[in-house]
């Protein structure tokens, strides 16, 4: 089970909320698919770029991508997150993310089948953590239960204070990008990731406060030492 050194009463409550999902969160994995997760400001976008460059240097065929995507549904999601249009219902984002992911996964499957390594900045774990704040753990998972899991998921763990500090220079703040939300979301992430502990997916909790180069090396070494790019 994934726990923090000192779990708050709120953290314990969330673990209980997500615990019933453990028996069900056992989707099949998609070989060659890797996911980066973390709070806003955790460095997933930076690592996506660095890993892409490293794989190019290693001459490993790959595709770096992200969620929400740049497709029509993904653009609608981003508009809502930026506050450019209001949410029509409390489950709107959860449903839109699921729809965007369904189309995204089809391309991911096609690329991994062709032998590419696919790395995505965020995937269903973000939805289960973030959208559970609005629709609850059960519904957030239900909307994502039919999606394949990645072979590896790397969670870049930082605290809410670090998230706030790293986001302070951003000109625009999106939905969820405030201290209280990020504090809550870190606990939700840990609780939701615990629900997948019985799946075949390999989960890696990395210290997001480590130097950027060190984190890149940790992730890259897993890729290079595995069979991901050798199928």
C-alpha atoms as a PDB file:
ATOM      1  CA  UNK A   1       0.000   0.000   0.000  1.00  0.00           C
ATOM      2  CA  UNK A   2       1.214   3.505  -0.813  1.00  0.00           C
ATOM      3  CA  UNK A   3       1.300   5.714   2.250  1.00  0.00           C
ATOM      4  CA  UNK A   4       3.003   8.897   3.315  1.00  0.00           C
ATOM      5  CA  UNK A   5       5.243   8.954   6.386  1.00  0.00           C
ATOM      6  CA  UNK A   6       2.529  10.535   8.494  1.00  0.00           C
ATOM      7  CA  UNK A   7      -0.934  10.095   7.086  1.00  0.00           C
ATOM      8  CA  UNK A   8      -3.529  12.629   8.182  1.00  0.00           C
ATOM      9  CA  UNK A   9      -7.047  11.679   9.206  1.00  0.00           C
ATOM     10  CA  UNK A  10      -8.210  13.024   5.838  1.00  0.00           C
ATOM     11  CA  UNK A  11      -5.682  10.808   4.064  1.00  0.00           C
ATOM     12  CA  UNK A  12      -6.927   7.777   5.969  1.00  0.00           C
ATOM     13  CA  UNK A  13     -10.515   8.587   5.002  1.00  0.00           C
ATOM     14  CA  UNK A  14      -9.542   8.802   1.338  1.00  0.00           C
ATOM     15  CA  UNK A  15      -7.716   5.476   1.507  1.00  0.00           C
ATOM     16  CA  UNK A  16     -10.979   3.958   2.741  1.00  0.00           C
ATOM     17  CA  UNK A  17     -12.934   5.640  -0.077  1.00  0.00           C
ATOM     18  CA  UNK A  18     -10.652   4.190  -2.751  1.00  0.00           C
ATOM     19  CA  UNK A  19     -10.078   0.798  -1.082  1.00  0.00           C
ATOM     20  CA  UNK A  20     -13.161  -0.881  -2.649  1.00  0.00           C
ATOM     21  CA  UNK A  21     -11.645  -0.281  -6.092  1.00  0.00           C
ATOM     22  CA  UNK A  22      -8.609  -2.461  -5.338  1.00  0.00           C
ATOM     23  CA  UNK A  23     -10.417  -5.687  -6.193  1.00  0.00           C
ATOM     24  CA  UNK A  24     -11.516  -4.285  -9.562  1.00  0.00           C
ATOM     25  CA  UNK A  25      -8.604  -2.130 -10.747  1.00  0.00           C
ATOM     26  CA  UNK A  26      -6.851  -4.954 -12.554  1.00  0.00           C
ATOM     27  CA  UNK A  27      -7.148  -4.006 -16.208  1.00  0.00           C
ATOM     28  CA  UNK A  28      -4.681  -5.573 -18.598  1.00  0.00           C
ATOM     29  CA  UNK A  29      -1.505  -3.620 -19.299  1.00  0.00           C
ATOM     30  CA  UNK A  30      -0.337  -2.314 -22.655  1.00  0.00           C
ATOM     31  CA  UNK A  31       3.336  -3.221 -23.206  1.00  0.00           C
ATOM     32  CA  UNK A  32       5.458  -0.326 -24.358  1.00  0.00           C
ATOM     33  CA  UNK A  33       3.178   2.294 -22.796  1.00  0.00           C
ATOM     34  CA  UNK A  34       4.577   4.551 -20.061  1.00  0.00           C
ATOM     35  CA  UNK A  35       2.782   7.236 -18.047  1.00  0.00           C
ATOM     36  CA  UNK A  36       4.059  10.194 -16.039  1.00  0.00           C
ATOM     37  CA  UNK A  37       1.834  11.497 -13.244  1.00  0.00           C
ATOM     38  CA  UNK A  38       2.034  14.098 -10.508  1.00  0.00           C
ATOM     39  CA  UNK A  39       0.627  17.313  -9.077  1.00  0.00           C
ATOM     40  CA  UNK A  40       0.683  20.505 -11.105  1.00  0.00           C
ATOM     41  CA  UNK A  41       4.283  21.683 -11.061  1.00  0.00           C
ATOM     42  CA  UNK A  42       5.692  18.211 -10.371  1.00  0.00           C
ATOM     43  CA  UNK A  43       7.739  18.268 -13.567  1.00  0.00           C
ATOM     44  CA  UNK A  44       5.939  15.735 -15.760  1.00  0.00           C
ATOM     45  CA  UNK A  45       6.048  18.004 -18.821  1.00  0.00           C
ATOM     46  CA  UNK A  46       9.761  18.657 -18.312  1.00  0.00           C
ATOM     47  CA  UNK A  47      10.457  14.940 -17.990  1.00  0.00           C
ATOM     48  CA  UNK A  48       8.378  14.149 -21.070  1.00  0.00           C
ATOM     49  CA  UNK A  49      10.549  16.466 -23.143  1.00  0.00           C
ATOM     50  CA  UNK A  50      13.818  15.201 -21.658  1.00  0.00           C
ATOM     51  CA  UNK A  51      12.879  11.557 -22.082  1.00  0.00           C
ATOM     52  CA  UNK A  52      11.909  12.166 -25.693  1.00  0.00           C
ATOM     53  CA  UNK A  53      15.310  13.696 -26.387  1.00  0.00           C
ATOM     54  CA  UNK A  54      17.087  10.861 -24.579  1.00  0.00           C
ATOM     55  CA  UNK A  55      15.237   8.224 -26.582  1.00  0.00           C
ATOM     56  CA  UNK A  56      16.100  10.043 -29.813  1.00  0.00           C
ATOM     57  CA  UNK A  57      19.755   9.943 -28.784  1.00  0.00           C
ATOM     58  CA  UNK A  58      19.414   6.212 -28.119  1.00  0.00           C
ATOM     59  CA  UNK A  59      17.726   5.852 -31.538  1.00  0.00           C
ATOM     60  CA  UNK A  60      14.661   4.272 -29.928  1.00  0.00           C
ATOM     61  CA  UNK A  61      11.465   4.802 -31.895  1.00  0.00           C
ATOM     62  CA  UNK A  62       8.992   6.552 -29.636  1.00  0.00           C
ATOM     63  CA  UNK A  63       6.074   8.972 -29.335  1.00  0.00           C
ATOM     64  CA  UNK A  64       5.584  11.526 -26.568  1.00  0.00           C
ATOM     65  CA  UNK A  65       2.036  12.669 -25.941  1.00  0.00           C
ATOM     66  CA  UNK A  66      -0.186  14.142 -23.241  1.00  0.00           C
ATOM     67  CA  UNK A  67      -3.703  14.435 -21.854  1.00  0.00           C
ATOM     68  CA  UNK A  68      -5.857  16.268 -22.457  1.00  0.00           C
ATOM     69  CA  UNK A  69      -4.993  15.834 -26.129  1.00  0.00           C
ATOM     70  CA  UNK A  70      -4.995  18.437 -28.881  1.00  0.00           C
ATOM     71  CA  UNK A  71      -8.150  16.943 -30.388  1.00  0.00           C
ATOM     72  CA  UNK A  72     -11.579  18.642 -30.314  1.00  0.00           C
ATOM     73  CA  UNK A  73     -12.556  17.156 -26.956  1.00  0.00           C
ATOM     74  CA  UNK A  74      -9.144  17.889 -25.490  1.00  0.00           C
ATOM     75  CA  UNK A  75      -9.415  21.519 -26.585  1.00  0.00           C
ATOM     76  CA  UNK A  76     -12.824  21.773 -24.925  1.00  0.00           C
ATOM     77  CA  UNK A  77     -11.371  20.375 -21.713  1.00  0.00           C
ATOM     78  CA  UNK A  78      -8.557  22.926 -21.745  1.00  0.00           C
ATOM     79  CA  UNK A  79     -11.064  25.730 -22.290  1.00  0.00           C
ATOM     80  CA  UNK A  80     -13.005  24.658 -19.199  1.00  0.00           C
ATOM     81  CA  UNK A  81      -9.829  24.286 -17.139  1.00  0.00           C
ATOM     82  CA  UNK A  82      -8.799  27.818 -18.092  1.00  0.00           C
ATOM     83  CA  UNK A  83     -12.220  29.136 -17.092  1.00  0.00           C
ATOM     84  CA  UNK A  84     -13.079  30.231 -20.618  1.00  0.00           C
ATOM     85  CA  UNK A  85     -16.366  28.381 -20.445  1.00  0.00           C
ATOM     86  CA  UNK A  86     -18.382  27.201 -17.426  1.00  0.00           C
ATOM     87  CA  UNK A  87     -18.925  23.605 -16.435  1.00  0.00           C
ATOM     88  CA  UNK A  88     -22.435  22.476 -17.358  1.00  0.00           C
ATOM     89  CA  UNK A  89     -22.553  19.780 -14.679  1.00  0.00           C
ATOM     90  CA  UNK A  90     -20.295  18.418 -11.973  1.00  0.00           C
ATOM     91  CA  UNK A  91     -19.463  15.329 -14.026  1.00  0.00           C
ATOM     92  CA  UNK A  92     -18.800  17.165 -17.303  1.00  0.00           C
ATOM     93  CA  UNK A  93     -14.998  17.141 -17.018  1.00  0.00           C
ATOM     94  CA  UNK A  94     -14.910  13.518 -15.918  1.00  0.00           C
ATOM     95  CA  UNK A  95     -16.983  12.460 -18.930  1.00  0.00           C
ATOM     96  CA  UNK A  96     -15.011  14.626 -21.364  1.00  0.00           C
ATOM     97  CA  UNK A  97     -11.675  13.269 -20.135  1.00  0.00           C
ATOM     98  CA  UNK A  98     -12.976   9.720 -20.606  1.00  0.00           C
ATOM     99  CA  UNK A  99     -14.100  10.479 -24.155  1.00  0.00           C
ATOM    100  CA  UNK A 100     -10.810  12.173 -25.014  1.00  0.00           C
ATOM    101  CA  UNK A 101      -8.892   9.230 -23.554  1.00  0.00           C
ATOM    102  CA  UNK A 102     -10.827   6.666 -25.567  1.00  0.00           C
ATOM    103  CA  UNK A 103      -9.691   8.227 -28.842  1.00  0.00           C
ATOM    104  CA  UNK A 104      -6.182   8.803 -27.500  1.00  0.00           C
ATOM    105  CA  UNK A 105      -5.779   5.180 -26.465  1.00  0.00           C
ATOM    106  CA  UNK A 106      -6.567   3.947 -29.956  1.00  0.00           C
ATOM    107  CA  UNK A 107      -3.548   5.799 -31.325  1.00  0.00           C
ATOM    108  CA  UNK A 108      -1.410   4.661 -28.401  1.00  0.00           C
ATOM    109  CA  UNK A 109      -2.332   1.024 -29.108  1.00  0.00           C
ATOM    110  CA  UNK A 110      -1.555   1.410 -32.796  1.00  0.00           C
ATOM    111  CA  UNK A 111       1.848   2.918 -32.092  1.00  0.00           C
ATOM    112  CA  UNK A 112       2.886   0.351 -29.477  1.00  0.00           C
ATOM    113  CA  UNK A 113       1.763  -2.413 -31.825  1.00  0.00           C
ATOM    114  CA  UNK A 114       4.096  -0.933 -34.444  1.00  0.00           C
ATOM    115  CA  UNK A 115       6.961  -1.165 -31.944  1.00  0.00           C
ATOM    116  CA  UNK A 116       7.067   2.395 -30.643  1.00  0.00           C
ATOM    117  CA  UNK A 117       7.609   3.316 -27.011  1.00  0.00           C
ATOM    118  CA  UNK A 118       4.795   5.680 -25.997  1.00  0.00           C
ATOM    119  CA  UNK A 119       5.170   8.084 -23.071  1.00  0.00           C
ATOM    120  CA  UNK A 120       2.171  10.137 -21.950  1.00  0.00           C
ATOM    121  CA  UNK A 121       2.136  13.113 -19.624  1.00  0.00           C
ATOM    122  CA  UNK A 122      -0.952  12.091 -17.612  1.00  0.00           C
ATOM    123  CA  UNK A 123      -3.494   9.344 -18.162  1.00  0.00           C
ATOM    124  CA  UNK A 124      -6.450   7.841 -16.317  1.00  0.00           C
ATOM    125  CA  UNK A 125      -4.785   8.186 -12.895  1.00  0.00           C
ATOM    126  CA  UNK A 126      -5.148  11.961 -13.152  1.00  0.00           C
ATOM    127  CA  UNK A 127      -8.849  11.558 -13.826  1.00  0.00           C
ATOM    128  CA  UNK A 128      -9.376   9.205 -10.908  1.00  0.00           C
ATOM    129  CA  UNK A 129      -7.572  11.623  -8.586  1.00  0.00           C
ATOM    130  CA  UNK A 130      -8.728  14.994  -9.921  1.00  0.00           C
ATOM    131  CA  UNK A 131     -12.274  14.206 -11.029  1.00  0.00           C
ATOM    132  CA  UNK A 132     -12.997  12.220  -7.871  1.00  0.00           C
ATOM    133  CA  UNK A 133     -13.144  15.599  -6.133  1.00  0.00           C
ATOM    134  CA  UNK A 134     -16.320  16.293  -8.115  1.00  0.00           C
ATOM    135  CA  UNK A 135     -17.939  12.912  -8.808  1.00  0.00           C
ATOM    136  CA  UNK A 136     -16.448  10.653  -6.139  1.00  0.00           C
ATOM    137  CA  UNK A 137     -13.964   7.788  -6.388  1.00  0.00           C
ATOM    138  CA  UNK A 138     -16.462   5.210  -7.641  1.00  0.00           C
ATOM    139  CA  UNK A 139     -17.731   7.156 -10.646  1.00  0.00           C
ATOM    140  CA  UNK A 140     -14.282   8.496 -11.517  1.00  0.00           C
ATOM    141  CA  UNK A 141     -13.051   4.917 -11.751  1.00  0.00           C
ATOM    142  CA  UNK A 142     -16.160   3.629 -13.569  1.00  0.00           C
ATOM    143  CA  UNK A 143     -15.534   6.074 -16.401  1.00  0.00           C
ATOM    144  CA  UNK A 144     -12.025   4.660 -16.796  1.00  0.00           C
ATOM    145  CA  UNK A 145     -12.424   0.988 -15.961  1.00  0.00           C
ATOM    146  CA  UNK A 146     -12.233  -0.228 -19.556  1.00  0.00           C
ATOM    147  CA  UNK A 147      -8.961   1.473 -20.437  1.00  0.00           C
ATOM    148  CA  UNK A 148      -5.736  -0.530 -20.593  1.00  0.00           C
ATOM    149  CA  UNK A 149      -3.113   0.278 -17.971  1.00  0.00           C
ATOM    150  CA  UNK A 150       0.416   1.356 -18.881  1.00  0.00           C
ATOM    151  CA  UNK A 151       3.289  -1.038 -18.395  1.00  0.00           C
ATOM    152  CA  UNK A 152       4.969   1.536 -16.153  1.00  0.00           C
ATOM    153  CA  UNK A 153       3.541   4.510 -14.252  1.00  0.00           C
ATOM    154  CA  UNK A 154       5.959   7.027 -12.725  1.00  0.00           C
ATOM    155  CA  UNK A 155       4.470   9.294 -10.055  1.00  0.00           C
ATOM    156  CA  UNK A 156       6.615  12.371  -9.379  1.00  0.00           C
ATOM    157  CA  UNK A 157       5.777  13.064  -5.751  1.00  0.00           C
ATOM    158  CA  UNK A 158       5.969  16.622  -4.449  1.00  0.00           C
ATOM    159  CA  UNK A 159       4.129  18.393  -1.635  1.00  0.00           C
ATOM    160  CA  UNK A 160       1.556  21.147  -2.082  1.00  0.00           C
ATOM    161  CA  UNK A 161       4.034  23.802  -0.943  1.00  0.00           C
ATOM    162  CA  UNK A 162       6.445  22.865  -3.731  1.00  0.00           C
ATOM    163  CA  UNK A 163       3.609  22.759  -6.219  1.00  0.00           C
ATOM    164  CA  UNK A 164       2.568  26.273  -5.189  1.00  0.00           C
ATOM    165  CA  UNK A 165       6.121  27.607  -5.401  1.00  0.00           C
ATOM    166  CA  UNK A 166       6.770  26.143  -8.849  1.00  0.00           C
ATOM    167  CA  UNK A 167       3.472  27.472 -10.206  1.00  0.00           C
ATOM    168  CA  UNK A 168       3.909  30.988  -8.799  1.00  0.00           C
ATOM    169  CA  UNK A 169       5.427  32.378 -11.998  1.00  0.00           C
ATOM    170  CA  UNK A 170       2.630  31.165 -14.261  1.00  0.00           C
ATOM    171  CA  UNK A 171       0.670  33.982 -15.865  1.00  0.00           C
ATOM    172  CA  UNK A 172      -2.558  31.984 -15.868  1.00  0.00           C
ATOM    173  CA  UNK A 173      -3.876  29.519 -13.325  1.00  0.00           C
ATOM    174  CA  UNK A 174      -6.223  26.739 -14.313  1.00  0.00           C
ATOM    175  CA  UNK A 175      -8.881  24.909 -12.374  1.00  0.00           C
ATOM    176  CA  UNK A 176      -7.409  22.957  -9.417  1.00  0.00           C
ATOM    177  CA  UNK A 177      -4.253  25.108  -9.390  1.00  0.00           C
ATOM    178  CA  UNK A 178      -4.403  26.417  -5.844  1.00  0.00           C
ATOM    179  CA  UNK A 179      -2.764  25.300  -2.622  1.00  0.00           C
ATOM    180  CA  UNK A 180      -5.816  23.745  -0.947  1.00  0.00           C
ATOM    181  CA  UNK A 181      -6.746  21.750  -4.054  1.00  0.00           C
ATOM    182  CA  UNK A 182      -3.198  20.487  -4.559  1.00  0.00           C
ATOM    183  CA  UNK A 183      -2.916  19.521  -0.879  1.00  0.00           C
ATOM    184  CA  UNK A 184      -6.081  17.443  -1.222  1.00  0.00           C
ATOM    185  CA  UNK A 185      -5.065  16.052  -4.613  1.00  0.00           C
ATOM    186  CA  UNK A 186      -1.767  14.679  -3.338  1.00  0.00           C
ATOM    187  CA  UNK A 187      -3.679  12.549  -0.842  1.00  0.00           C
ATOM    188  CA  UNK A 188      -6.168  11.524  -3.539  1.00  0.00           C
ATOM    189  CA  UNK A 189      -3.329  10.513  -5.838  1.00  0.00           C
ATOM    190  CA  UNK A 190      -1.764   8.281  -3.198  1.00  0.00           C
ATOM    191  CA  UNK A 191      -5.132   6.747  -2.348  1.00  0.00           C
ATOM    192  CA  UNK A 192      -6.132   6.185  -5.973  1.00  0.00           C
ATOM    193  CA  UNK A 193      -2.772   4.717  -6.999  1.00  0.00           C
ATOM    194  CA  UNK A 194      -3.074   2.269  -4.112  1.00  0.00           C
ATOM    195  CA  UNK A 195      -6.214   0.928  -5.771  1.00  0.00           C
ATOM    196  CA  UNK A 196      -4.048  -0.402  -8.615  1.00  0.00           C
ATOM    197  CA  UNK A 197      -1.572  -2.230  -6.396  1.00  0.00           C
ATOM    198  CA  UNK A 198      -2.881  -5.660  -7.456  1.00  0.00           C
ATOM    199  CA  UNK A 199      -2.635  -4.941 -11.172  1.00  0.00           C
ATOM    200  CA  UNK A 200       0.296  -6.006 -13.350  1.00  0.00           C
ATOM    201  CA  UNK A 201       1.296  -2.393 -13.897  1.00  0.00           C
ATOM    202  CA  UNK A 202       4.636  -1.411 -12.375  1.00  0.00           C
ATOM    203  CA  UNK A 203       4.199   1.692 -10.237  1.00  0.00           C
ATOM    204  CA  UNK A 204       7.224   3.837  -9.403  1.00  0.00           C
ATOM    205  CA  UNK A 205       6.933   6.586  -6.768  1.00  0.00           C
ATOM    206  CA  UNK A 206       9.769   9.035  -7.395  1.00  0.00           C
ATOM    207  CA  UNK A 207      10.917  11.894  -5.196  1.00  0.00           C
ATOM    208  CA  UNK A 208       9.941  14.918  -7.276  1.00  0.00           C
ATOM    209  CA  UNK A 209      12.319  17.120  -5.263  1.00  0.00           C
ATOM    210  CA  UNK A 210      15.378  15.366  -6.660  1.00  0.00           C
ATOM    211  CA  UNK A 211      17.429  17.130  -9.351  1.00  0.00           C
ATOM    212  CA  UNK A 212      15.817  17.034 -12.795  1.00  0.00           C
ATOM    213  CA  UNK A 213      18.741  15.063 -14.252  1.00  0.00           C
ATOM    214  CA  UNK A 214      18.442  12.424 -11.523  1.00  0.00           C
ATOM    215  CA  UNK A 215      14.736  11.888 -12.161  1.00  0.00           C
ATOM    216  CA  UNK A 216      15.343  11.584 -15.908  1.00  0.00           C
ATOM    217  CA  UNK A 217      18.067   9.011 -15.290  1.00  0.00           C
ATOM    218  CA  UNK A 218      15.823   6.995 -12.988  1.00  0.00           C
ATOM    219  CA  UNK A 219      13.025   6.794 -15.534  1.00  0.00           C
ATOM    220  CA  UNK A 220      15.330   6.245 -18.500  1.00  0.00           C
ATOM    221  CA  UNK A 221      17.196   3.438 -16.762  1.00  0.00           C
ATOM    222  CA  UNK A 222      13.911   1.584 -16.268  1.00  0.00           C
ATOM    223  CA  UNK A 223      13.089   1.952 -19.945  1.00  0.00           C
ATOM    224  CA  UNK A 224      16.530   0.875 -21.123  1.00  0.00           C
ATOM    225  CA  UNK A 225      16.826  -2.059 -18.708  1.00  0.00           C
ATOM    226  CA  UNK A 226      13.404  -3.462 -19.566  1.00  0.00           C
ATOM    227  CA  UNK A 227      12.071  -5.158 -22.663  1.00  0.00           C
ATOM    228  CA  UNK A 228       9.906  -2.150 -23.524  1.00  0.00           C
ATOM    229  CA  UNK A 229      11.922  -1.128 -26.580  1.00  0.00           C
ATOM    230  CA  UNK A 230      13.113  -4.589 -27.530  1.00  0.00           C
ATOM    231  CA  UNK A 231       9.864  -6.253 -28.548  1.00  0.00           C
END
